[in-house]
């Protein structure tokens, strides 16, 4: 690469950073996977590969094709909004399950401590020990999911978001085109390099936080934040 191309590579890097270094569905998913230590290399690899493919397509001039099919983008918007809302519901479901398990564990503790509890609570306390054990196991195993499930979820939050196509293909492709047939690939290389560094750091830093999430309360807080974020992004897609 020539010295003249270096500033263009840096411009591609910073342009991509301005788009991906923000709270979004994909970043939230990577953070949760990192904290759970659930197939982090595969998830990070998918995110990097997706950005590389989309930026390459944009640099090759596919932005015109995307812009010429507004109905397809509109349909994708509603599909993406529905999928993100589904992920929000699943996050809130996990919160509900953990809160219920913690309540039953508290009832069991009161029961063994000799405190008065209702007959209904006493019946529920019979399964509290198993629920508590399951909750502890989930925290210890860091909420790991099957690889296939994680891959499908990552592909969903990545490719069912219409903003991904508008940003990576239309916007980045348009910016790359301003540098001509040769130098535009230096711009694209900078953008792809940014994605490689960002998702690698995001996955690694999130994984280092996993030891902080060895309790049900921590996972309740994390899934609550993720659920709220998914709802807000979904509503933004539907109304935007």
Protein backbone atom coordinates (compact mmCIF):
# COMPACT_ATOMS: atom_id res chain seq x y z
CA UNK A 1 0.00 0.00 0.00
CA UNK A 2 1.36 3.41 -0.96
CA UNK A 3 1.80 6.26 1.50
CA UNK A 4 -0.87 8.20 -0.41
CA UNK A 5 -3.39 5.50 0.37
CA UNK A 6 -2.77 5.56 4.14
CA UNK A 7 -4.93 8.66 4.85
CA UNK A 8 -7.76 7.07 2.84
CA UNK A 9 -7.44 3.84 4.84
CA UNK A 10 -7.65 5.86 8.07
CA UNK A 11 -10.70 7.69 6.72
CA UNK A 12 -12.38 4.35 6.03
CA UNK A 13 -11.47 3.20 9.54
CA UNK A 14 -12.93 6.27 11.25
CA UNK A 15 -16.02 6.31 9.01
CA UNK A 16 -16.79 2.71 9.92
CA UNK A 17 -16.13 3.42 13.60
CA UNK A 18 -18.71 6.20 13.58
CA UNK A 19 -21.30 3.66 12.43
CA UNK A 20 -20.58 0.58 14.52
CA UNK A 21 -19.32 2.01 17.83
CA UNK A 22 -22.80 2.57 19.20
CA UNK A 23 -25.38 0.68 21.24
CA UNK A 24 -27.24 -1.54 18.80
CA UNK A 25 -28.77 -4.98 18.54
CA UNK A 26 -25.62 -6.56 17.13
CA UNK A 27 -23.30 -5.03 19.71
CA UNK A 28 -25.67 -5.94 22.54
CA UNK A 29 -25.73 -9.53 21.28
CA UNK A 30 -21.93 -9.73 21.10
CA UNK A 31 -21.63 -8.30 24.62
CA UNK A 32 -24.03 -10.87 26.05
CA UNK A 33 -22.28 -13.71 24.25
CA UNK A 34 -18.93 -12.46 25.52
CA UNK A 35 -20.13 -12.27 29.11
CA UNK A 36 -21.65 -15.74 28.79
CA UNK A 37 -18.49 -17.00 27.06
CA UNK A 38 -20.82 -18.71 24.63
CA UNK A 39 -19.11 -19.39 21.28
CA UNK A 40 -17.47 -15.94 21.26
CA UNK A 41 -14.94 -16.62 18.45
CA UNK A 42 -17.70 -17.87 16.13
CA UNK A 43 -19.96 -14.89 16.88
CA UNK A 44 -17.14 -12.37 16.46
CA UNK A 45 -16.11 -14.10 13.22
CA UNK A 46 -19.65 -13.87 11.83
CA UNK A 47 -19.91 -10.17 12.64
CA UNK A 48 -16.54 -9.42 11.04
CA UNK A 49 -17.31 -11.51 7.96
CA UNK A 50 -20.72 -9.85 7.57
CA UNK A 51 -19.21 -6.37 7.67
CA UNK A 52 -16.47 -7.38 5.24
CA UNK A 53 -18.97 -8.79 2.76
CA UNK A 54 -21.34 -5.82 2.98
CA UNK A 55 -18.58 -3.20 2.72
CA UNK A 56 -17.10 -5.06 -0.25
CA UNK A 57 -20.48 -5.16 -1.96
CA UNK A 58 -20.93 -1.46 -1.34
CA UNK A 59 -17.47 -0.69 -2.71
CA UNK A 60 -18.28 -2.70 -5.83
CA UNK A 61 -21.28 -0.46 -6.44
CA UNK A 62 -24.18 -2.48 -5.03
CA UNK A 63 -25.52 0.57 -3.20
CA UNK A 64 -27.52 1.54 -6.29
CA UNK A 65 -29.27 -1.85 -6.25
CA UNK A 66 -30.20 -1.47 -2.58
CA UNK A 67 -31.56 2.04 -3.07
CA UNK A 68 -33.62 0.94 -6.09
CA UNK A 69 -35.66 -1.54 -4.01
CA UNK A 70 -37.35 0.52 -1.29
CA UNK A 71 -40.18 -2.00 -0.95
CA UNK A 72 -37.71 -4.74 -0.06
CA UNK A 73 -36.10 -2.52 2.56
CA UNK A 74 -39.53 -1.67 3.95
CA UNK A 75 -40.43 -5.34 4.28
CA UNK A 76 -37.07 -6.06 5.88
CA UNK A 77 -37.66 -3.24 8.34
CA UNK A 78 -40.85 -4.82 9.65
CA UNK A 79 -39.29 -8.29 9.76
CA UNK A 80 -36.30 -6.93 11.63
CA UNK A 81 -38.51 -5.04 14.09
CA UNK A 82 -40.49 -8.23 14.78
CA UNK A 83 -37.34 -10.31 15.29
CA UNK A 84 -35.83 -7.77 17.68
CA UNK A 85 -39.10 -7.65 19.63
CA UNK A 86 -38.96 -11.44 19.88
CA UNK A 87 -35.44 -11.24 21.28
CA UNK A 88 -36.70 -8.66 23.80
CA UNK A 89 -39.48 -11.02 24.88
CA UNK A 90 -36.97 -13.85 25.32
CA UNK A 91 -34.75 -11.59 27.44
CA UNK A 92 -37.68 -10.61 29.65
CA UNK A 93 -38.66 -14.27 29.92
CA UNK A 94 -35.19 -15.10 31.24
CA UNK A 95 -35.59 -12.29 33.77
CA UNK A 96 -38.96 -13.66 34.89
CA UNK A 97 -37.59 -17.20 35.31
CA UNK A 98 -34.67 -16.00 37.44
CA UNK A 99 -36.82 -13.72 39.59
CA UNK A 100 -39.24 -16.59 40.23
CA UNK A 101 -36.36 -18.93 41.11
CA UNK A 102 -34.92 -16.37 43.54
CA UNK A 103 -38.33 -15.92 45.18
CA UNK A 104 -38.74 -19.66 45.65
CA UNK A 105 -35.23 -19.89 47.06
CA UNK A 106 -36.09 -17.16 49.57
CA UNK A 107 -39.25 -19.04 50.54
CA UNK A 108 -37.24 -22.23 51.03
CA UNK A 109 -34.78 -20.38 53.25
CA UNK A 110 -37.60 -18.99 55.36
CA UNK A 111 -39.16 -22.42 55.58
CA UNK A 112 -35.99 -24.07 56.82
CA UNK A 113 -35.48 -21.17 59.16
CA UNK A 114 -38.81 -21.85 60.84
CA UNK A 115 -40.66 -18.72 59.69
CA UNK A 116 -44.39 -18.86 59.03
CA UNK A 117 -45.31 -19.10 55.36
CA UNK A 118 -48.53 -19.81 53.55
CA UNK A 119 -49.51 -23.26 52.37
CA UNK A 120 -49.22 -22.14 48.74
CA UNK A 121 -45.71 -20.80 49.27
CA UNK A 122 -44.75 -23.94 51.16
CA UNK A 123 -45.84 -26.08 48.23
CA UNK A 124 -43.82 -23.93 45.88
CA UNK A 125 -40.83 -24.14 48.20
CA UNK A 126 -40.63 -27.89 47.67
CA UNK A 127 -39.11 -27.23 44.25
CA UNK A 128 -37.03 -24.27 45.39
CA UNK A 129 -33.92 -26.29 46.02
CA UNK A 130 -33.96 -27.62 42.47
CA UNK A 131 -34.66 -24.15 41.07
CA UNK A 132 -31.83 -22.67 43.10
CA UNK A 133 -29.45 -25.36 41.91
CA UNK A 134 -30.51 -24.77 38.32
CA UNK A 135 -30.03 -21.03 38.71
CA UNK A 136 -26.57 -21.49 40.20
CA UNK A 137 -25.66 -23.93 37.43
CA UNK A 138 -26.82 -21.46 34.81
CA UNK A 139 -24.68 -18.74 36.39
CA UNK A 140 -21.71 -21.08 36.68
CA UNK A 141 -22.03 -22.24 33.07
CA UNK A 142 -22.39 -18.62 31.96
CA UNK A 143 -25.66 -19.06 30.11
CA UNK A 144 -24.07 -20.95 27.25
CA UNK A 145 -26.37 -21.83 24.34
CA UNK A 146 -26.00 -24.39 21.54
CA UNK A 147 -23.71 -23.21 18.75
CA UNK A 148 -26.44 -23.48 16.12
CA UNK A 149 -28.78 -21.31 18.22
CA UNK A 150 -26.13 -18.64 18.73
CA UNK A 151 -25.21 -18.59 15.04
CA UNK A 152 -28.83 -18.22 13.91
CA UNK A 153 -29.42 -15.45 16.45
CA UNK A 154 -26.28 -13.62 15.32
CA UNK A 155 -27.28 -13.88 11.67
CA UNK A 156 -30.73 -12.57 12.60
CA UNK A 157 -29.56 -9.44 14.43
CA UNK A 158 -27.02 -8.82 11.68
CA UNK A 159 -28.89 -9.34 8.42
CA UNK A 160 -32.48 -8.57 9.46
CA UNK A 161 -31.60 -4.98 10.26
CA UNK A 162 -32.14 -2.74 7.21
CA UNK A 163 -29.79 -0.12 8.64
CA UNK A 164 -26.95 -2.57 8.09
CA UNK A 165 -27.51 -2.42 4.34
CA UNK A 166 -28.00 1.34 4.27
CA UNK A 167 -24.87 1.98 6.33
CA UNK A 168 -22.46 -0.65 5.01
CA UNK A 169 -23.53 -0.84 1.37
CA UNK A 170 -25.11 2.51 0.52
CA UNK A 171 -23.26 4.96 2.78
CA UNK A 172 -19.85 3.30 2.98
CA UNK A 173 -20.04 2.26 -0.66
CA UNK A 174 -20.88 5.81 -1.67
CA UNK A 175 -17.98 7.22 0.33
CA UNK A 176 -15.60 4.65 -1.13
CA UNK A 177 -16.68 5.55 -4.68
CA UNK A 178 -15.43 9.11 -4.21
CA UNK A 179 -11.82 7.85 -4.16
CA UNK A 180 -11.84 6.34 -7.61
CA UNK A 181 -11.51 2.80 -8.94
CA UNK A 182 -8.22 2.02 -7.20
CA UNK A 183 -8.08 3.99 -3.96
CA UNK A 184 -11.64 3.08 -3.01
CA UNK A 185 -10.34 -0.32 -1.93
CA UNK A 186 -8.02 1.38 0.55
CA UNK A 187 -11.10 3.02 2.06
CA UNK A 188 -12.84 -0.36 2.18
CA UNK A 189 -9.78 -1.98 3.78
CA UNK A 190 -9.81 0.66 6.53
CA UNK A 191 -13.49 0.01 7.20
CA UNK A 192 -12.99 -3.75 7.38
CA UNK A 193 -9.96 -3.30 9.67
CA UNK A 194 -12.13 -1.24 12.00
CA UNK A 195 -14.72 -4.03 12.16
CA UNK A 196 -12.02 -6.61 12.90
CA UNK A 197 -10.60 -4.59 15.79
CA UNK A 198 -13.99 -3.50 17.17
CA UNK A 199 -15.68 -6.88 17.35
CA UNK A 200 -12.53 -8.61 18.56
CA UNK A 201 -12.12 -6.10 21.39
CA UNK A 202 -15.85 -6.16 22.17
CA UNK A 203 -15.89 -9.94 22.48
CA UNK A 204 -12.65 -10.07 24.50
CA UNK A 205 -13.58 -7.27 26.91
CA UNK A 206 -17.04 -8.71 27.44
CA UNK A 207 -15.53 -12.12 28.22
CA UNK A 208 -13.32 -10.56 30.91
CA UNK A 209 -16.49 -9.34 32.62
CA UNK A 210 -17.91 -12.85 32.88
CA UNK A 211 -16.68 -13.30 36.45
CA UNK A 212 -18.91 -10.40 37.49
CA UNK A 213 -21.96 -12.32 36.30
CA UNK A 214 -21.80 -15.31 38.62
CA UNK A 215 -25.10 -14.47 40.27
CA UNK A 216 -28.70 -14.51 39.13
CA UNK A 217 -29.12 -10.84 40.09
CA UNK A 218 -26.39 -9.78 37.66
CA UNK A 219 -28.03 -11.70 34.81
CA UNK A 220 -31.41 -10.19 35.71
CA UNK A 221 -29.91 -6.71 35.37
CA UNK A 222 -28.13 -7.53 32.09
CA UNK A 223 -31.12 -9.18 30.43
CA UNK A 224 -33.39 -6.35 31.59
CA UNK A 225 -31.12 -3.78 29.92
CA UNK A 226 -30.85 -5.91 26.76
CA UNK A 227 -34.62 -6.42 26.65
CA UNK A 228 -35.28 -2.68 26.98
CA UNK A 229 -32.66 -1.90 24.32
CA UNK A 230 -34.18 -4.42 21.90
CA UNK A 231 -37.64 -2.92 22.42
CA UNK A 232 -36.37 0.61 21.78
CA UNK A 233 -34.49 -0.45 18.62
CA UNK A 234 -37.51 -2.42 17.39
CA UNK A 235 -39.84 0.55 17.91
CA UNK A 236 -37.33 2.86 16.23
CA UNK A 237 -37.25 0.57 13.18
CA UNK A 238 -41.03 0.32 13.00
CA UNK A 239 -41.61 4.06 13.38
CA UNK A 240 -38.52 5.29 11.55
